[in-house]
Amino acid sequence: MTADALRRLRAWLTDTLTYDPQGEAADAMADATRWGWLPALSGVATGAEQARAVHAETLHRGSGIRA
């Protein structure tokens, strides 16, 4: 039982104190892929709101087309 506890402690320490850069990089890429579209989506939402506002102003002033 003592040998098993020492083996488990050693395995835990090894897992805790070692650094796996490939695993960290994979997690970072997954997060970037998962959440990377958010800024683009917020830009689209902002642009759509501005387009609606300009369109409403143009309709209010007239057609906006001059011949």
PDB file of N, CA and C in Angstrom:
ATOM      1  N   MET A   1       0.825  -1.189   0.000  1.00  0.00           N
ATOM      2  CA  MET A   1       0.000   0.000   0.000  1.00  0.00           C
ATOM      3  C   MET A   1       0.867   1.249   0.000  1.00  0.00           C
ATOM      4  N   THR A   2       1.955   1.257   0.740  1.00  0.00           N
ATOM      5  CA  THR A   2       2.835   2.421   0.784  1.00  0.00           C
ATOM      6  C   THR A   2       3.495   2.641  -0.571  1.00  0.00           C
ATOM      7  N   ALA A   3       3.893   1.547  -1.231  1.00  0.00           N
ATOM      8  CA  ALA A   3       4.520   1.676  -2.549  1.00  0.00           C
ATOM      9  C   ALA A   3       3.532   2.244  -3.555  1.00  0.00           C
ATOM     10  N   ASP A   4       2.289   1.813  -3.473  1.00  0.00           N
ATOM     11  CA  ASP A   4       1.262   2.328  -4.377  1.00  0.00           C
ATOM     12  C   ASP A   4       1.022   3.820  -4.131  1.00  0.00           C
ATOM     13  N   ALA A   5       0.981   4.220  -2.879  1.00  0.00           N
ATOM     14  CA  ALA A   5       0.779   5.631  -2.553  1.00  0.00           C
ATOM     15  C   ALA A   5       1.951   6.466  -3.042  1.00  0.00           C
ATOM     16  N   LEU A   6       3.158   5.956  -2.907  1.00  0.00           N
ATOM     17  CA  LEU A   6       4.336   6.685  -3.397  1.00  0.00           C
ATOM     18  C   LEU A   6       4.325   6.790  -4.923  1.00  0.00           C
ATOM     19  N   ARG A   7       3.902   5.727  -5.596  1.00  0.00           N
ATOM     20  CA  ARG A   7       3.807   5.774  -7.063  1.00  0.00           C
ATOM     21  C   ARG A   7       2.770   6.794  -7.512  1.00  0.00           C
ATOM     22  N   ARG A   8       1.631   6.805  -6.837  1.00  0.00           N
ATOM     23  CA  ARG A   8       0.593   7.778  -7.188  1.00  0.00           C
ATOM     24  C   ARG A   8       1.056   9.202  -6.915  1.00  0.00           C
ATOM     25  N   LEU A   9       1.758   9.416  -5.790  1.00  0.00           N
ATOM     26  CA  LEU A   9       2.288  10.743  -5.473  1.00  0.00           C
ATOM     27  C   LEU A   9       3.303  11.178  -6.520  1.00  0.00           C
ATOM     28  N   ARG A  10       4.182  10.260  -6.910  1.00  0.00           N
ATOM     29  CA  ARG A  10       5.177  10.573  -7.933  1.00  0.00           C
ATOM     30  C   ARG A  10       4.509  10.910  -9.263  1.00  0.00           C
ATOM     31  N   ALA A  11       3.510  10.145  -9.651  1.00  0.00           N
ATOM     32  CA  ALA A  11       2.803  10.402 -10.905  1.00  0.00           C
ATOM     33  C   ALA A  11       2.099  11.755 -10.854  1.00  0.00           C
ATOM     34  N   TRP A  12       1.495  12.060  -9.715  1.00  0.00           N
ATOM     35  CA  TRP A  12       0.813  13.349  -9.571  1.00  0.00           C
ATOM     36  C   TRP A  12       1.802  14.502  -9.649  1.00  0.00           C
ATOM     37  N   LEU A  13       2.930  14.378  -8.955  1.00  0.00           N
ATOM     38  CA  LEU A  13       3.951  15.431  -9.002  1.00  0.00           C
ATOM     39  C   LEU A  13       4.499  15.608 -10.409  1.00  0.00           C
ATOM     40  N   THR A  14       4.727  14.511 -11.102  1.00  0.00           N
ATOM     41  CA  THR A  14       5.235  14.591 -12.471  1.00  0.00           C
ATOM     42  C   THR A  14       4.235  15.312 -13.366  1.00  0.00           C
ATOM     43  N   ASP A  15       2.975  14.953 -13.257  1.00  0.00           N
ATOM     44  CA  ASP A  15       1.940  15.612 -14.067  1.00  0.00           C
ATOM     45  C   ASP A  15       1.783  17.086 -13.701  1.00  0.00           C
ATOM     46  N   THR A  16       1.917  17.392 -12.431  1.00  0.00           N
ATOM     47  CA  THR A  16       1.724  18.764 -11.967  1.00  0.00           C
ATOM     48  C   THR A  16       2.892  19.667 -12.322  1.00  0.00           C
ATOM     49  N   LEU A  17       4.099  19.149 -12.211  1.00  0.00           N
ATOM     50  CA  LEU A  17       5.283  19.997 -12.352  1.00  0.00           C
ATOM     51  C   LEU A  17       5.908  19.982 -13.738  1.00  0.00           C
ATOM     52  N   THR A  18       5.405  19.175 -14.645  1.00  0.00           N
ATOM     53  CA  THR A  18       5.952  19.177 -16.005  1.00  0.00           C
ATOM     54  C   THR A  18       5.070  20.022 -16.903  1.00  0.00           C
ATOM     55  N   TYR A  19       5.684  20.557 -17.925  1.00  0.00           N
ATOM     56  CA  TYR A  19       5.001  21.466 -18.843  1.00  0.00           C
ATOM     57  C   TYR A  19       4.885  20.799 -20.202  1.00  0.00           C
ATOM     58  N   ASP A  20       3.705  20.777 -20.745  1.00  0.00           N
ATOM     59  CA  ASP A  20       3.459  20.190 -22.057  1.00  0.00           C
ATOM     60  C   ASP A  20       3.070  21.304 -23.026  1.00  0.00           C
ATOM     61  N   PRO A  21       4.055  21.874 -23.742  1.00  0.00           N
ATOM     62  CA  PRO A  21       3.723  23.001 -24.616  1.00  0.00           C
ATOM     63  C   PRO A  21       2.793  22.626 -25.764  1.00  0.00           C
ATOM     64  N   GLN A  22       2.872  21.395 -26.254  1.00  0.00           N
ATOM     65  CA  GLN A  22       2.001  21.010 -27.360  1.00  0.00           C
ATOM     66  C   GLN A  22       0.548  20.962 -26.912  1.00  0.00           C
ATOM     67  N   GLY A  23       0.314  20.463 -25.719  1.00  0.00           N
ATOM     68  CA  GLY A  23      -1.051  20.440 -25.201  1.00  0.00           C
ATOM     69  C   GLY A  23      -1.585  21.842 -24.972  1.00  0.00           C
ATOM     70  N   GLU A  24      -0.736  22.722 -24.452  1.00  0.00           N
ATOM     71  CA  GLU A  24      -1.143  24.110 -24.227  1.00  0.00           C
ATOM     72  C   GLU A  24      -1.422  24.809 -25.559  1.00  0.00           C
ATOM     73  N   ALA A  25      -0.589  24.555 -26.551  1.00  0.00           N
ATOM     74  CA  ALA A  25      -0.782  25.186 -27.860  1.00  0.00           C
ATOM     75  C   ALA A  25      -2.083  24.709 -28.501  1.00  0.00           C
ATOM     76  N   ALA A  26      -2.376  23.441 -28.364  1.00  0.00           N
ATOM     77  CA  ALA A  26      -3.615  22.911 -28.931  1.00  0.00           C
ATOM     78  C   ALA A  26      -4.824  23.539 -28.249  1.00  0.00           C
ATOM     79  N   ASP A  27      -4.760  23.698 -26.941  1.00  0.00           N
ATOM     80  CA  ASP A  27      -5.871  24.335 -26.221  1.00  0.00           C
ATOM     81  C   ASP A  27      -6.042  25.789 -26.649  1.00  0.00           C
ATOM     82  N   ALA A  28      -4.924  26.493 -26.831  1.00  0.00           N
ATOM     83  CA  ALA A  28      -4.984  27.896 -27.245  1.00  0.00           C
ATOM     84  C   ALA A  28      -5.585  28.020 -28.651  1.00  0.00           C
ATOM     85  N   MET A  29      -5.193  27.136 -29.547  1.00  0.00           N
ATOM     86  CA  MET A  29      -5.737  27.177 -30.901  1.00  0.00           C
ATOM     87  C   MET A  29      -7.233  26.846 -30.899  1.00  0.00           C
ATOM     88  N   ALA A  30      -7.638  25.921 -30.056  1.00  0.00           N
ATOM     89  CA  ALA A  30      -9.059  25.587 -29.974  1.00  0.00           C
ATOM     90  C   ALA A  30      -9.850  26.789 -29.477  1.00  0.00           C
ATOM     91  N   ASP A  31      -9.321  27.501 -28.482  1.00  0.00           N
ATOM     92  CA  ASP A  31     -10.010  28.690 -27.985  1.00  0.00           C
ATOM     93  C   ASP A  31     -10.054  29.788 -29.040  1.00  0.00           C
ATOM     94  N   ALA A  32      -8.951  29.973 -29.758  1.00  0.00           N
ATOM     95  CA  ALA A  32      -8.922  31.004 -30.807  1.00  0.00           C
ATOM     96  C   ALA A  32      -9.919  30.678 -31.904  1.00  0.00           C
ATOM     97  N   THR A  33     -10.013  29.416 -32.255  1.00  0.00           N
ATOM     98  CA  THR A  33     -10.964  29.009 -33.284  1.00  0.00           C
ATOM     99  C   THR A  33     -12.390  29.155 -32.785  1.00  0.00           C
ATOM    100  N   ARG A  34     -12.592  28.795 -31.527  1.00  0.00           N
ATOM    101  CA  ARG A  34     -13.941  28.830 -30.966  1.00  0.00           C
ATOM    102  C   ARG A  34     -14.449  30.252 -30.804  1.00  0.00           C
ATOM    103  N   TRP A  35     -13.603  31.172 -30.348  1.00  0.00           N
ATOM    104  CA  TRP A  35     -14.050  32.526 -30.024  1.00  0.00           C
ATOM    105  C   TRP A  35     -13.542  33.583 -31.004  1.00  0.00           C
ATOM    106  N   GLY A  36     -12.784  33.196 -32.018  1.00  0.00           N
ATOM    107  CA  GLY A  36     -12.202  34.160 -32.940  1.00  0.00           C
ATOM    108  C   GLY A  36     -13.207  34.910 -33.785  1.00  0.00           C
ATOM    109  N   TRP A  37     -14.375  34.367 -33.960  1.00  0.00           N
ATOM    110  CA  TRP A  37     -15.378  35.006 -34.812  1.00  0.00           C
ATOM    111  C   TRP A  37     -16.126  36.118 -34.095  1.00  0.00           C
ATOM    112  N   LEU A  38     -16.008  36.221 -32.774  1.00  0.00           N
ATOM    113  CA  LEU A  38     -16.786  37.227 -32.043  1.00  0.00           C
ATOM    114  C   LEU A  38     -16.499  38.669 -32.459  1.00  0.00           C
ATOM    115  N   PRO A  39     -15.235  39.101 -32.590  1.00  0.00           N
ATOM    116  CA  PRO A  39     -15.015  40.488 -33.020  1.00  0.00           C
ATOM    117  C   PRO A  39     -15.606  40.774 -34.394  1.00  0.00           C
ATOM    118  N   ALA A  40     -15.499  39.818 -35.293  1.00  0.00           N
ATOM    119  CA  ALA A  40     -16.067  40.029 -36.627  1.00  0.00           C
ATOM    120  C   ALA A  40     -17.578  40.153 -36.550  1.00  0.00           C
ATOM    121  N   LEU A  41     -18.194  39.354 -35.738  1.00  0.00           N
ATOM    122  CA  LEU A  41     -19.645  39.422 -35.612  1.00  0.00           C
ATOM    123  C   LEU A  41     -20.082  40.742 -35.008  1.00  0.00           C
ATOM    124  N   SER A  42     -19.370  41.238 -34.003  1.00  0.00           N
ATOM    125  CA  SER A  42     -19.754  42.511 -33.409  1.00  0.00           C
ATOM    126  C   SER A  42     -19.545  43.652 -34.402  1.00  0.00           C
ATOM    127  N   GLY A  43     -18.526  43.549 -35.265  1.00  0.00           N
ATOM    128  CA  GLY A  43     -18.324  44.550 -36.306  1.00  0.00           C
ATOM    129  C   GLY A  43     -19.450  44.548 -37.316  1.00  0.00           C
ATOM    130  N   VAL A  44     -19.930  43.376 -37.652  1.00  0.00           N
ATOM    131  CA  VAL A  44     -21.057  43.267 -38.584  1.00  0.00           C
ATOM    132  C   VAL A  44     -22.307  43.873 -37.952  1.00  0.00           C
ATOM    133  N   ALA A  45     -22.523  43.600 -36.681  1.00  0.00           N
ATOM    134  CA  ALA A  45     -23.696  44.155 -36.009  1.00  0.00           C
ATOM    135  C   ALA A  45     -23.622  45.674 -35.948  1.00  0.00           C
ATOM    136  N   THR A  46     -22.444  46.212 -35.656  1.00  0.00           N
ATOM    137  CA  THR A  46     -22.263  47.662 -35.608  1.00  0.00           C
ATOM    138  C   THR A  46     -22.467  48.270 -36.991  1.00  0.00           C
ATOM    139  N   GLY A  47     -21.892  47.650 -38.003  1.00  0.00           N
ATOM    140  CA  GLY A  47     -22.043  48.148 -39.370  1.00  0.00           C
ATOM    141  C   GLY A  47     -23.486  48.108 -39.833  1.00  0.00           C
ATOM    142  N   ALA A  48     -24.197  47.064 -39.452  1.00  0.00           N
ATOM    143  CA  ALA A  48     -25.605  46.966 -39.844  1.00  0.00           C
ATOM    144  C   ALA A  48     -26.426  48.064 -39.185  1.00  0.00           C
ATOM    145  N   GLU A  49     -26.135  48.354 -37.929  1.00  0.00           N
ATOM    146  CA  GLU A  49     -26.861  49.424 -37.231  1.00  0.00           C
ATOM    147  C   GLU A  49     -26.564  50.782 -37.867  1.00  0.00           C
ATOM    148  N   GLN A  50     -25.325  51.029 -38.231  1.00  0.00           N
ATOM    149  CA  GLN A  50     -24.970  52.288 -38.889  1.00  0.00           C
ATOM    150  C   GLN A  50     -25.644  52.389 -40.250  1.00  0.00           C
ATOM    151  N   ALA A  51     -25.687  51.282 -40.970  1.00  0.00           N
ATOM    152  CA  ALA A  51     -26.343  51.294 -42.281  1.00  0.00           C
ATOM    153  C   ALA A  51     -27.831  51.595 -42.138  1.00  0.00           C
ATOM    154  N   ARG A  52     -28.469  51.009 -41.130  1.00  0.00           N
ATOM    155  CA  ARG A  52     -29.891  51.310 -40.903  1.00  0.00           C
ATOM    156  C   ARG A  52     -30.102  52.785 -40.592  1.00  0.00           C
ATOM    157  N   ALA A  53     -29.226  53.358 -39.759  1.00  0.00           N
ATOM    158  CA  ALA A  53     -29.365  54.764 -39.375  1.00  0.00           C
ATOM    159  C   ALA A  53     -29.179  55.675 -40.586  1.00  0.00           C
ATOM    160  N   VAL A  54     -28.171  55.413 -41.405  1.00  0.00           N
ATOM    161  CA  VAL A  54     -27.922  56.234 -42.596  1.00  0.00           C
ATOM    162  C   VAL A  54     -29.081  56.082 -43.580  1.00  0.00           C
ATOM    163  N   HIS A  55     -29.570  54.866 -43.730  1.00  0.00           N
ATOM    164  CA  HIS A  55     -30.693  54.637 -44.641  1.00  0.00           C
ATOM    165  C   HIS A  55     -31.936  55.398 -44.173  1.00  0.00           C
ATOM    166  N   ALA A  56     -32.197  55.369 -42.878  1.00  0.00           N
ATOM    167  CA  ALA A  56     -33.352  56.094 -42.342  1.00  0.00           C
ATOM    168  C   ALA A  56     -33.192  57.601 -42.554  1.00  0.00           C
ATOM    169  N   GLU A  57     -31.990  58.127 -42.365  1.00  0.00           N
ATOM    170  CA  GLU A  57     -31.749  59.562 -42.593  1.00  0.00           C
ATOM    171  C   GLU A  57     -31.941  59.907 -44.057  1.00  0.00           C
ATOM    172  N   THR A  58     -31.457  59.049 -44.946  1.00  0.00           N
ATOM    173  CA  THR A  58     -31.590  59.289 -46.381  1.00  0.00           C
ATOM    174  C   THR A  58     -33.063  59.276 -46.791  1.00  0.00           C
ATOM    175  N   LEU A  59     -33.818  58.341 -46.279  1.00  0.00           N
ATOM    176  CA  LEU A  59     -35.242  58.294 -46.597  1.00  0.00           C
ATOM    177  C   LEU A  59     -35.962  59.511 -46.040  1.00  0.00           C
ATOM    178  N   HIS A  60     -35.552  59.977 -44.883  1.00  0.00           N
ATOM    179  CA  HIS A  60     -36.184  61.133 -44.257  1.00  0.00           C
ATOM    180  C   HIS A  60     -35.919  62.398 -45.066  1.00  0.00           C
ATOM    181  N   ARG A  61     -34.691  62.526 -45.605  1.00  0.00           N
ATOM    182  CA  ARG A  61     -34.329  63.740 -46.373  1.00  0.00           C
ATOM    183  C   ARG A  61     -34.832  63.670 -47.807  1.00  0.00           C
ATOM    184  N   GLY A  62     -35.174  62.541 -48.280  1.00  0.00           N
ATOM    185  CA  GLY A  62     -35.564  62.374 -49.665  1.00  0.00           C
ATOM    186  C   GLY A  62     -34.819  61.194 -50.239  1.00  0.00           C
ATOM    187  N   SER A  63     -34.769  61.121 -51.530  1.00  0.00           N
ATOM    188  CA  SER A  63     -34.127  59.960 -52.134  1.00  0.00           C
ATOM    189  C   SER A  63     -32.625  60.014 -52.010  1.00  0.00           C
ATOM    190  N   GLY A  64     -32.047  61.215 -51.942  1.00  0.00           N
ATOM    191  CA  GLY A  64     -30.598  61.318 -51.859  1.00  0.00           C
ATOM    192  C   GLY A  64     -29.917  61.211 -53.190  1.00  0.00           C
ATOM    193  N   ILE A  65     -30.687  61.007 -54.252  1.00  0.00           N
ATOM    194  CA  ILE A  65     -30.124  60.887 -55.605  1.00  0.00           C
ATOM    195  C   ILE A  65     -30.351  62.190 -56.319  1.00  0.00           C
ATOM    196  N   ARG A  66     -29.282  62.754 -56.858  1.00  0.00           N
ATOM    197  CA  ARG A  66     -29.388  64.013 -57.593  1.00  0.00           C
ATOM    198  C   ARG A  66     -29.056  63.773 -59.054  1.00  0.00           C
ATOM    199  N   ALA A  67     -29.836  64.356 -59.892  1.00  0.00           N
ATOM    200  CA  ALA A  67     -29.622  64.164 -61.324  1.00  0.00           C
ATOM    201  C   ALA A  67     -28.881  65.322 -61.919  1.00  0.00           C
TER     202      ALA A  67
END
